[in-house]
């Protein structure tokens, strides 16, 4: 009986406590119909509103790199290769 009471109290506390979790959605190229990679992140905190950036596709020279920075601290994380994208005709 004591265990059931403790378990019930734990479930009740979990149900009424504010969640501090964030939401992520990551779809790999093998999981999408057209091979697109989709990454989404939601900081579920009123104090952590971020920005959404869009960089149009373009033709880049082979070996061109893009600097990557942490969005929160601005810390330099490294580089990734830019993909060569053919313009849509």
PDB file of N, CA and C in Angstrom:
ATOM      1  N   UNK A   1       0.826  -1.199   0.000  1.00  0.00           N
ATOM      2  CA  UNK A   1       0.000   0.000   0.000  1.00  0.00           C
ATOM      3  C   UNK A   1       0.873   1.266   0.000  1.00  0.00           C
ATOM      4  N   UNK A   2       1.929   1.230   0.789  1.00  0.00           N
ATOM      5  CA  UNK A   2       2.820   2.387   0.878  1.00  0.00           C
ATOM      6  C   UNK A   2       3.483   2.666  -0.481  1.00  0.00           C
ATOM      7  N   UNK A   3       3.887   1.593  -1.180  1.00  0.00           N
ATOM      8  CA  UNK A   3       4.519   1.762  -2.498  1.00  0.00           C
ATOM      9  C   UNK A   3       3.553   2.368  -3.510  1.00  0.00           C
ATOM     10  N   UNK A   4       2.291   1.949  -3.470  1.00  0.00           N
ATOM     11  CA  UNK A   4       1.286   2.492  -4.382  1.00  0.00           C
ATOM     12  C   UNK A   4       1.051   3.973  -4.110  1.00  0.00           C
ATOM     13  N   UNK A   5       1.063   4.355  -2.829  1.00  0.00           N
ATOM     14  CA  UNK A   5       0.874   5.756  -2.458  1.00  0.00           C
ATOM     15  C   UNK A   5       2.041   6.610  -2.966  1.00  0.00           C
ATOM     16  N   UNK A   6       3.246   6.112  -2.796  1.00  0.00           N
ATOM     17  CA  UNK A   6       4.434   6.842  -3.266  1.00  0.00           C
ATOM     18  C   UNK A   6       4.418   6.948  -4.789  1.00  0.00           C
ATOM     19  N   UNK A   7       4.079   5.860  -5.474  1.00  0.00           N
ATOM     20  CA  UNK A   7       4.010   5.865  -6.928  1.00  0.00           C
ATOM     21  C   UNK A   7       2.940   6.836  -7.413  1.00  0.00           C
ATOM     22  N   UNK A   8       1.782   6.828  -6.770  1.00  0.00           N
ATOM     23  CA  UNK A   8       0.705   7.756  -7.143  1.00  0.00           C
ATOM     24  C   UNK A   8       1.112   9.201  -6.942  1.00  0.00           C
ATOM     25  N   UNK A   9       1.804   9.488  -5.844  1.00  0.00           N
ATOM     26  CA  UNK A   9       2.271  10.850  -5.571  1.00  0.00           C
ATOM     27  C   UNK A   9       3.302  11.283  -6.612  1.00  0.00           C
ATOM     28  N   UNK A  10       4.168  10.354  -7.020  1.00  0.00           N
ATOM     29  CA  UNK A  10       5.186  10.668  -8.033  1.00  0.00           C
ATOM     30  C   UNK A  10       4.524  11.003  -9.366  1.00  0.00           C
ATOM     31  N   UNK A  11       3.511  10.219  -9.766  1.00  0.00           N
ATOM     32  CA  UNK A  11       2.788  10.498 -11.016  1.00  0.00           C
ATOM     33  C   UNK A  11       2.064  11.834 -10.950  1.00  0.00           C
ATOM     34  N   UNK A  12       1.466  12.131  -9.813  1.00  0.00           N
ATOM     35  CA  UNK A  12       0.757  13.404  -9.647  1.00  0.00           C
ATOM     36  C   UNK A  12       1.736  14.570  -9.740  1.00  0.00           C
ATOM     37  N   UNK A  13       2.866  14.453  -9.078  1.00  0.00           N
ATOM     38  CA  UNK A  13       3.876  15.506  -9.130  1.00  0.00           C
ATOM     39  C   UNK A  13       4.391  15.708 -10.551  1.00  0.00           C
ATOM     40  N   UNK A  14       4.615  14.608 -11.273  1.00  0.00           N
ATOM     41  CA  UNK A  14       5.085  14.702 -12.656  1.00  0.00           C
ATOM     42  C   UNK A  14       4.047  15.363 -13.547  1.00  0.00           C
ATOM     43  N   UNK A  15       2.773  15.136 -13.265  1.00  0.00           N
ATOM     44  CA  UNK A  15       1.704  15.693 -14.093  1.00  0.00           C
ATOM     45  C   UNK A  15       1.534  17.192 -13.890  1.00  0.00           C
ATOM     46  N   UNK A  16       1.815  17.692 -12.695  1.00  0.00           N
ATOM     47  CA  UNK A  16       1.577  19.115 -12.426  1.00  0.00           C
ATOM     48  C   UNK A  16       2.839  19.966 -12.470  1.00  0.00           C
ATOM     49  N   UNK A  17       4.004  19.330 -12.563  1.00  0.00           N
ATOM     50  CA  UNK A  17       5.269  20.060 -12.608  1.00  0.00           C
ATOM     51  C   UNK A  17       5.539  20.559 -14.014  1.00  0.00           C
ATOM     52  N   UNK A  18       6.025  21.780 -14.130  1.00  0.00           N
ATOM     53  CA  UNK A  18       6.372  22.331 -15.439  1.00  0.00           C
ATOM     54  C   UNK A  18       7.537  21.553 -16.031  1.00  0.00           C
ATOM     55  N   UNK A  19       7.413  21.207 -17.286  1.00  0.00           N
ATOM     56  CA  UNK A  19       8.463  20.466 -17.966  1.00  0.00           C
ATOM     57  C   UNK A  19       9.562  21.420 -18.414  1.00  0.00           C
ATOM     58  N   UNK A  20      10.812  21.004 -18.262  1.00  0.00           N
ATOM     59  CA  UNK A  20      11.951  21.824 -18.670  1.00  0.00           C
ATOM     60  C   UNK A  20      12.619  21.262 -19.917  1.00  0.00           C
ATOM     61  N   UNK A  21      11.920  20.402 -20.613  1.00  0.00           N
ATOM     62  CA  UNK A  21      12.498  19.754 -21.790  1.00  0.00           C
ATOM     63  C   UNK A  21      12.402  20.642 -23.021  1.00  0.00           C
ATOM     64  N   UNK A  22      13.280  20.403 -23.955  1.00  0.00           N
ATOM     65  CA  UNK A  22      13.232  21.049 -25.264  1.00  0.00           C
ATOM     66  C   UNK A  22      12.805  20.006 -26.292  1.00  0.00           C
ATOM     67  N   UNK A  23      12.365  20.470 -27.445  1.00  0.00           N
ATOM     68  CA  UNK A  23      11.863  19.569 -28.476  1.00  0.00           C
ATOM     69  C   UNK A  23      12.806  19.584 -29.672  1.00  0.00           C
ATOM     70  N   UNK A  24      13.184  18.409 -30.125  1.00  0.00           N
ATOM     71  CA  UNK A  24      14.038  18.260 -31.293  1.00  0.00           C
ATOM     72  C   UNK A  24      13.352  17.350 -32.300  1.00  0.00           C
ATOM     73  N   UNK A  25      13.487  17.670 -33.559  1.00  0.00           N
ATOM     74  CA  UNK A  25      13.007  16.808 -34.638  1.00  0.00           C
ATOM     75  C   UNK A  25      14.144  16.695 -35.636  1.00  0.00           C
ATOM     76  N   UNK A  26      14.628  15.483 -35.836  1.00  0.00           N
ATOM     77  CA  UNK A  26      15.735  15.254 -36.761  1.00  0.00           C
ATOM     78  C   UNK A  26      15.331  14.133 -37.713  1.00  0.00           C
ATOM     79  N   UNK A  27      15.367  14.421 -39.012  1.00  0.00           N
ATOM     80  CA  UNK A  27      15.020  13.441 -40.045  1.00  0.00           C
ATOM     81  C   UNK A  27      16.231  13.284 -40.953  1.00  0.00           C
ATOM     82  N   UNK A  28      16.755  12.088 -41.037  1.00  0.00           N
ATOM     83  CA  UNK A  28      17.904  11.823 -41.899  1.00  0.00           C
ATOM     84  C   UNK A  28      17.483  11.640 -43.343  1.00  0.00           C
ATOM     85  N   UNK A  29      18.462  11.711 -44.256  1.00  0.00           N
ATOM     86  CA  UNK A  29      18.138  11.618 -45.684  1.00  0.00           C
ATOM     87  C   UNK A  29      17.520  10.278 -46.049  1.00  0.00           C
ATOM     88  N   UNK A  30      17.802   9.236 -45.287  1.00  0.00           N
ATOM     89  CA  UNK A  30      17.208   7.940 -45.552  1.00  0.00           C
ATOM     90  C   UNK A  30      15.781   7.811 -45.023  1.00  0.00           C
ATOM     91  N   UNK A  31      15.350   8.773 -44.213  1.00  0.00           N
ATOM     92  CA  UNK A  31      14.012   8.708 -43.623  1.00  0.00           C
ATOM     93  C   UNK A  31      13.016   9.627 -44.314  1.00  0.00           C
ATOM     94  N   UNK A  32      13.474  10.499 -45.203  1.00  0.00           N
ATOM     95  CA  UNK A  32      12.560  11.390 -45.911  1.00  0.00           C
ATOM     96  C   UNK A  32      12.341  10.872 -47.335  1.00  0.00           C
ATOM     97  N   UNK A  33      11.201  11.188 -47.891  1.00  0.00           N
ATOM     98  CA  UNK A  33      10.822  10.681 -49.214  1.00  0.00           C
ATOM     99  C   UNK A  33      11.792  11.148 -50.293  1.00  0.00           C
ATOM    100  N   UNK A  34      12.193  12.428 -50.234  1.00  0.00           N
ATOM    101  CA  UNK A  34      13.041  12.973 -51.301  1.00  0.00           C
ATOM    102  C   UNK A  34      14.519  13.074 -50.915  1.00  0.00           C
ATOM    103  N   UNK A  35      14.900  12.494 -49.781  1.00  0.00           N
ATOM    104  CA  UNK A  35      16.299  12.528 -49.370  1.00  0.00           C
ATOM    105  C   UNK A  35      16.705  13.792 -48.639  1.00  0.00           C
ATOM    106  N   UNK A  36      15.724  14.637 -48.291  1.00  0.00           N
ATOM    107  CA  UNK A  36      16.028  15.866 -47.560  1.00  0.00           C
ATOM    108  C   UNK A  36      16.405  15.553 -46.117  1.00  0.00           C
ATOM    109  N   UNK A  37      17.307  16.345 -45.567  1.00  0.00           N
ATOM    110  CA  UNK A  37      17.648  16.267 -44.155  1.00  0.00           C
ATOM    111  C   UNK A  37      16.916  17.409 -43.471  1.00  0.00           C
ATOM    112  N   UNK A  38      16.173  17.106 -42.417  1.00  0.00           N
ATOM    113  CA  UNK A  38      15.376  18.110 -41.712  1.00  0.00           C
ATOM    114  C   UNK A  38      15.820  18.138 -40.257  1.00  0.00           C
ATOM    115  N   UNK A  39      16.154  19.333 -39.759  1.00  0.00           N
ATOM    116  CA  UNK A  39      16.540  19.500 -38.365  1.00  0.00           C
ATOM    117  C   UNK A  39      15.733  20.650 -37.795  1.00  0.00           C
ATOM    118  N   UNK A  40      15.070  20.401 -36.682  1.00  0.00           N
ATOM    119  CA  UNK A  40      14.283  21.435 -36.024  1.00  0.00           C
ATOM    120  C   UNK A  40      14.545  21.372 -34.527  1.00  0.00           C
ATOM    121  N   UNK A  41      14.583  22.523 -33.882  1.00  0.00           N
ATOM    122  CA  UNK A  41      14.842  22.592 -32.445  1.00  0.00           C
ATOM    123  C   UNK A  41      13.965  23.670 -31.850  1.00  0.00           C
ATOM    124  N   UNK A  42      13.337  23.366 -30.757  1.00  0.00           N
ATOM    125  CA  UNK A  42      12.509  24.347 -30.069  1.00  0.00           C
ATOM    126  C   UNK A  42      12.950  24.442 -28.619  1.00  0.00           C
ATOM    127  N   UNK A  43      13.417  25.615 -28.211  1.00  0.00           N
ATOM    128  CA  UNK A  43      13.753  25.851 -26.810  1.00  0.00           C
ATOM    129  C   UNK A  43      12.462  26.239 -26.107  1.00  0.00           C
ATOM    130  N   UNK A  44      11.930  25.333 -25.306  1.00  0.00           N
ATOM    131  CA  UNK A  44      10.628  25.525 -24.684  1.00  0.00           C
ATOM    132  C   UNK A  44      10.711  26.447 -23.463  1.00  0.00           C
ATOM    133  N   UNK A  45      11.390  27.545 -23.611  1.00  0.00           N
ATOM    134  CA  UNK A  45      11.557  28.501 -22.528  1.00  0.00           C
ATOM    135  C   UNK A  45      11.305  29.897 -23.073  1.00  0.00           C
ATOM    136  N   UNK A  46      10.529  30.676 -22.353  1.00  0.00           N
ATOM    137  CA  UNK A  46      10.233  32.029 -22.824  1.00  0.00           C
ATOM    138  C   UNK A  46      11.478  32.897 -22.916  1.00  0.00           C
ATOM    139  N   UNK A  47      12.533  32.541 -22.214  1.00  0.00           N
ATOM    140  CA  UNK A  47      13.749  33.344 -22.220  1.00  0.00           C
ATOM    141  C   UNK A  47      14.757  32.919 -23.270  1.00  0.00           C
ATOM    142  N   UNK A  48      14.442  31.908 -24.064  1.00  0.00           N
ATOM    143  CA  UNK A  48      15.418  31.396 -25.027  1.00  0.00           C
ATOM    144  C   UNK A  48      14.898  31.465 -26.454  1.00  0.00           C
ATOM    145  N   UNK A  49      14.288  32.570 -26.830  1.00  0.00           N
ATOM    146  CA  UNK A  49      13.827  32.707 -28.198  1.00  0.00           C
ATOM    147  C   UNK A  49      15.032  32.837 -29.116  1.00  0.00           C
ATOM    148  N   UNK A  50      15.070  32.028 -30.142  1.00  0.00           N
ATOM    149  CA  UNK A  50      16.186  32.074 -31.071  1.00  0.00           C
ATOM    150  C   UNK A  50      15.757  32.689 -32.387  1.00  0.00           C
ATOM    151  N   UNK A  51      16.644  32.666 -33.323  1.00  0.00           N
ATOM    152  CA  UNK A  51      16.357  33.193 -34.648  1.00  0.00           C
ATOM    153  C   UNK A  51      16.419  32.054 -35.649  1.00  0.00           C
ATOM    154  N   UNK A  52      15.740  32.237 -36.738  1.00  0.00           N
ATOM    155  CA  UNK A  52      15.789  31.277 -37.830  1.00  0.00           C
ATOM    156  C   UNK A  52      16.496  31.946 -38.993  1.00  0.00           C
ATOM    157  N   UNK A  53      17.551  31.329 -39.491  1.00  0.00           N
ATOM    158  CA  UNK A  53      18.328  31.896 -40.579  1.00  0.00           C
ATOM    159  C   UNK A  53      18.122  31.083 -41.840  1.00  0.00           C
ATOM    160  N   UNK A  54      18.135  31.745 -42.973  1.00  0.00           N
ATOM    161  CA  UNK A  54      18.034  31.063 -44.260  1.00  0.00           C
ATOM    162  C   UNK A  54      19.184  31.521 -45.131  1.00  0.00           C
ATOM    163  N   UNK A  55      19.941  30.563 -45.618  1.00  0.00           N
ATOM    164  CA  UNK A  55      21.027  30.856 -46.533  1.00  0.00           C
ATOM    165  C   UNK A  55      20.654  30.234 -47.872  1.00  0.00           C
ATOM    166  N   UNK A  56      20.403  31.049 -48.893  1.00  0.00           N
ATOM    167  CA  UNK A  56      20.013  30.493 -50.192  1.00  0.00           C
ATOM    168  C   UNK A  56      21.103  29.577 -50.752  1.00  0.00           C
ATOM    169  N   UNK A  57      20.662  28.582 -51.503  1.00  0.00           N
ATOM    170  CA  UNK A  57      21.610  27.672 -52.149  1.00  0.00           C
ATOM    171  C   UNK A  57      22.448  28.449 -53.156  1.00  0.00           C
ATOM    172  N   UNK A  58      23.639  27.999 -53.387  1.00  0.00           N
ATOM    173  CA  UNK A  58      24.503  28.667 -54.341  1.00  0.00           C
ATOM    174  C   UNK A  58      25.589  27.741 -54.828  1.00  0.00           C
ATOM    175  N   UNK A  59      26.297  28.167 -55.830  1.00  0.00           N
ATOM    176  CA  UNK A  59      27.425  27.390 -56.337  1.00  0.00           C
ATOM    177  C   UNK A  59      28.671  27.813 -55.562  1.00  0.00           C
ATOM    178  N   UNK A  60      29.339  26.844 -54.982  1.00  0.00           N
ATOM    179  CA  UNK A  60      30.545  27.111 -54.210  1.00  0.00           C
ATOM    180  C   UNK A  60      31.708  26.355 -54.839  1.00  0.00           C
ATOM    181  N   UNK A  61      32.855  26.947 -54.804  1.00  0.00           N
ATOM    182  CA  UNK A  61      34.054  26.276 -55.305  1.00  0.00           C
ATOM    183  C   UNK A  61      34.290  25.010 -54.483  1.00  0.00           C
ATOM    184  N   UNK A  62      34.831  23.988 -55.114  1.00  0.00           N
ATOM    185  CA  UNK A  62      35.125  22.747 -54.420  1.00  0.00           C
ATOM    186  C   UNK A  62      36.062  23.029 -53.250  1.00  0.00           C
ATOM    187  N   UNK A  63      35.718  22.501 -52.092  1.00  0.00           N
ATOM    188  CA  UNK A  63      36.547  22.683 -50.899  1.00  0.00           C
ATOM    189  C   UNK A  63      36.193  23.906 -50.063  1.00  0.00           C
ATOM    190  N   UNK A  64      35.190  24.697 -50.499  1.00  0.00           N
ATOM    191  CA  UNK A  64      34.786  25.872 -49.729  1.00  0.00           C
ATOM    192  C   UNK A  64      34.192  25.428 -48.396  1.00  0.00           C
ATOM    193  N   UNK A  65      34.563  26.127 -47.330  1.00  0.00           N
ATOM    194  CA  UNK A  65      34.124  25.753 -45.983  1.00  0.00           C
ATOM    195  C   UNK A  65      33.265  26.867 -45.374  1.00  0.00           C
ATOM    196  N   UNK A  66      32.386  26.487 -44.448  1.00  0.00           N
ATOM    197  CA  UNK A  66      31.568  27.448 -43.694  1.00  0.00           C
ATOM    198  C   UNK A  66      31.938  27.320 -42.217  1.00  0.00           C
ATOM    199  N   UNK A  67      32.199  28.472 -41.569  1.00  0.00           N
ATOM    200  CA  UNK A  67      32.484  28.478 -40.140  1.00  0.00           C
ATOM    201  C   UNK A  67      31.200  28.193 -39.365  1.00  0.00           C
ATOM    202  N   UNK A  68      31.302  27.401 -38.306  1.00  0.00           N
ATOM    203  CA  UNK A  68      30.163  27.050 -37.466  1.00  0.00           C
ATOM    204  C   UNK A  68      30.419  27.566 -36.054  1.00  0.00           C
ATOM    205  N   UNK A  69      29.411  28.270 -35.509  1.00  0.00           N
ATOM    206  CA  UNK A  69      29.490  28.831 -34.166  1.00  0.00           C
ATOM    207  C   UNK A  69      28.308  28.351 -33.333  1.00  0.00           C
ATOM    208  N   UNK A  70      28.524  28.169 -32.034  1.00  0.00           N
ATOM    209  CA  UNK A  70      27.433  27.855 -31.122  1.00  0.00           C
ATOM    210  C   UNK A  70      26.500  29.050 -31.058  1.00  0.00           C
ATOM    211  N   UNK A  71      25.196  28.822 -31.231  1.00  0.00           N
ATOM    212  CA  UNK A  71      24.240  29.930 -31.311  1.00  0.00           C
ATOM    213  C   UNK A  71      24.088  30.659 -29.984  1.00  0.00           C
ATOM    214  N   UNK A  72      24.344  29.972 -28.882  1.00  0.00           N
ATOM    215  CA  UNK A  72      24.117  30.572 -27.575  1.00  0.00           C
ATOM    216  C   UNK A  72      25.339  31.336 -27.065  1.00  0.00           C
ATOM    217  N   UNK A  73      26.503  30.725 -27.167  1.00  0.00           N
ATOM    218  CA  UNK A  73      27.711  31.337 -26.612  1.00  0.00           C
ATOM    219  C   UNK A  73      28.558  32.052 -27.664  1.00  0.00           C
ATOM    220  N   UNK A  74      28.327  31.752 -28.946  1.00  0.00           N
ATOM    221  CA  UNK A  74      29.151  32.327 -29.995  1.00  0.00           C
ATOM    222  C   UNK A  74      30.498  31.626 -30.143  1.00  0.00           C
ATOM    223  N   UNK A  75      30.699  30.542 -29.392  1.00  0.00           N
ATOM    224  CA  UNK A  75      31.961  29.808 -29.426  1.00  0.00           C
ATOM    225  C   UNK A  75      32.163  29.169 -30.806  1.00  0.00           C
ATOM    226  N   UNK A  76      33.355  29.338 -31.349  1.00  0.00           N
ATOM    227  CA  UNK A  76      33.708  28.747 -32.641  1.00  0.00           C
ATOM    228  C   UNK A  76      33.794  27.236 -32.475  1.00  0.00           C
ATOM    229  N   UNK A  77      33.092  26.488 -33.339  1.00  0.00           N
ATOM    230  CA  UNK A  77      33.044  25.027 -33.232  1.00  0.00           C
ATOM    231  C   UNK A  77      33.822  24.313 -34.325  1.00  0.00           C
ATOM    232  N   UNK A  78      34.113  24.993 -35.411  1.00  0.00           N
ATOM    233  CA  UNK A  78      34.842  24.358 -36.500  1.00  0.00           C
ATOM    234  C   UNK A  78      34.256  24.750 -37.842  1.00  0.00           C
ATOM    235  N   UNK A  79      34.498  23.898 -38.840  1.00  0.00           N
ATOM    236  CA  UNK A  79      34.030  24.175 -40.194  1.00  0.00           C
ATOM    237  C   UNK A  79      33.376  22.937 -40.789  1.00  0.00           C
ATOM    238  N   UNK A  80      32.477  23.180 -41.748  1.00  0.00           N
ATOM    239  CA  UNK A  80      31.897  22.115 -42.548  1.00  0.00           C
ATOM    240  C   UNK A  80      32.026  22.499 -44.012  1.00  0.00           C
ATOM    241  N   UNK A  81      32.057  21.485 -44.879  1.00  0.00           N
ATOM    242  CA  UNK A  81      32.149  21.752 -46.310  1.00  0.00           C
ATOM    243  C   UNK A  81      30.821  22.287 -46.822  1.00  0.00           C
ATOM    244  N   UNK A  82      30.910  23.276 -47.709  1.00  0.00           N
ATOM    245  CA  UNK A  82      29.708  23.753 -48.406  1.00  0.00           C
ATOM    246  C   UNK A  82      29.450  22.813 -49.564  1.00  0.00           C
ATOM    247  N   UNK A  83      28.186  22.495 -49.767  1.00  0.00           N
ATOM    248  CA  UNK A  83      27.811  21.594 -50.856  1.00  0.00           C
ATOM    249  C   UNK A  83      27.668  22.386 -52.146  1.00  0.00           C
ATOM    250  N   UNK A  84      28.117  21.790 -53.214  1.00  0.00           N
ATOM    251  CA  UNK A  84      27.910  22.411 -54.539  1.00  0.00           C
ATOM    252  C   UNK A  84      26.490  22.112 -54.957  1.00  0.00           C
ATOM    253  N   UNK A  85      25.702  23.136 -55.183  1.00  0.00           N
ATOM    254  CA  UNK A  85      24.293  22.986 -55.558  1.00  0.00           C
ATOM    255  C   UNK A  85      24.099  23.556 -56.941  1.00  0.00           C
ATOM    256  N   UNK A  86      23.469  22.782 -57.817  1.00  0.00           N
ATOM    257  CA  UNK A  86      23.181  23.278 -59.149  1.00  0.00           C
ATOM    258  C   UNK A  86      21.984  24.217 -59.087  1.00  0.00           C
ATOM    259  N   UNK A  87      22.058  25.347 -59.762  1.00  0.00           N
ATOM    260  CA  UNK A  87      20.907  26.269 -59.791  1.00  0.00           C
ATOM    261  C   UNK A  87      19.702  25.614 -60.442  1.00  0.00           C
ATOM    262  N   UNK A  88      18.510  25.926 -59.951  1.00  0.00           N
ATOM    263  CA  UNK A  88      17.270  25.417 -60.539  1.00  0.00           C
ATOM    264  C   UNK A  88      16.950  26.226 -61.788  1.00  0.00           C
ATOM    265  N   UNK A  89      16.704  25.551 -62.883  1.00  0.00           N
ATOM    266  CA  UNK A  89      16.408  26.234 -64.150  1.00  0.00           C
ATOM    267  C   UNK A  89      14.934  26.296 -64.382  1.00  0.00           C
TER     268      UNK A  89
END
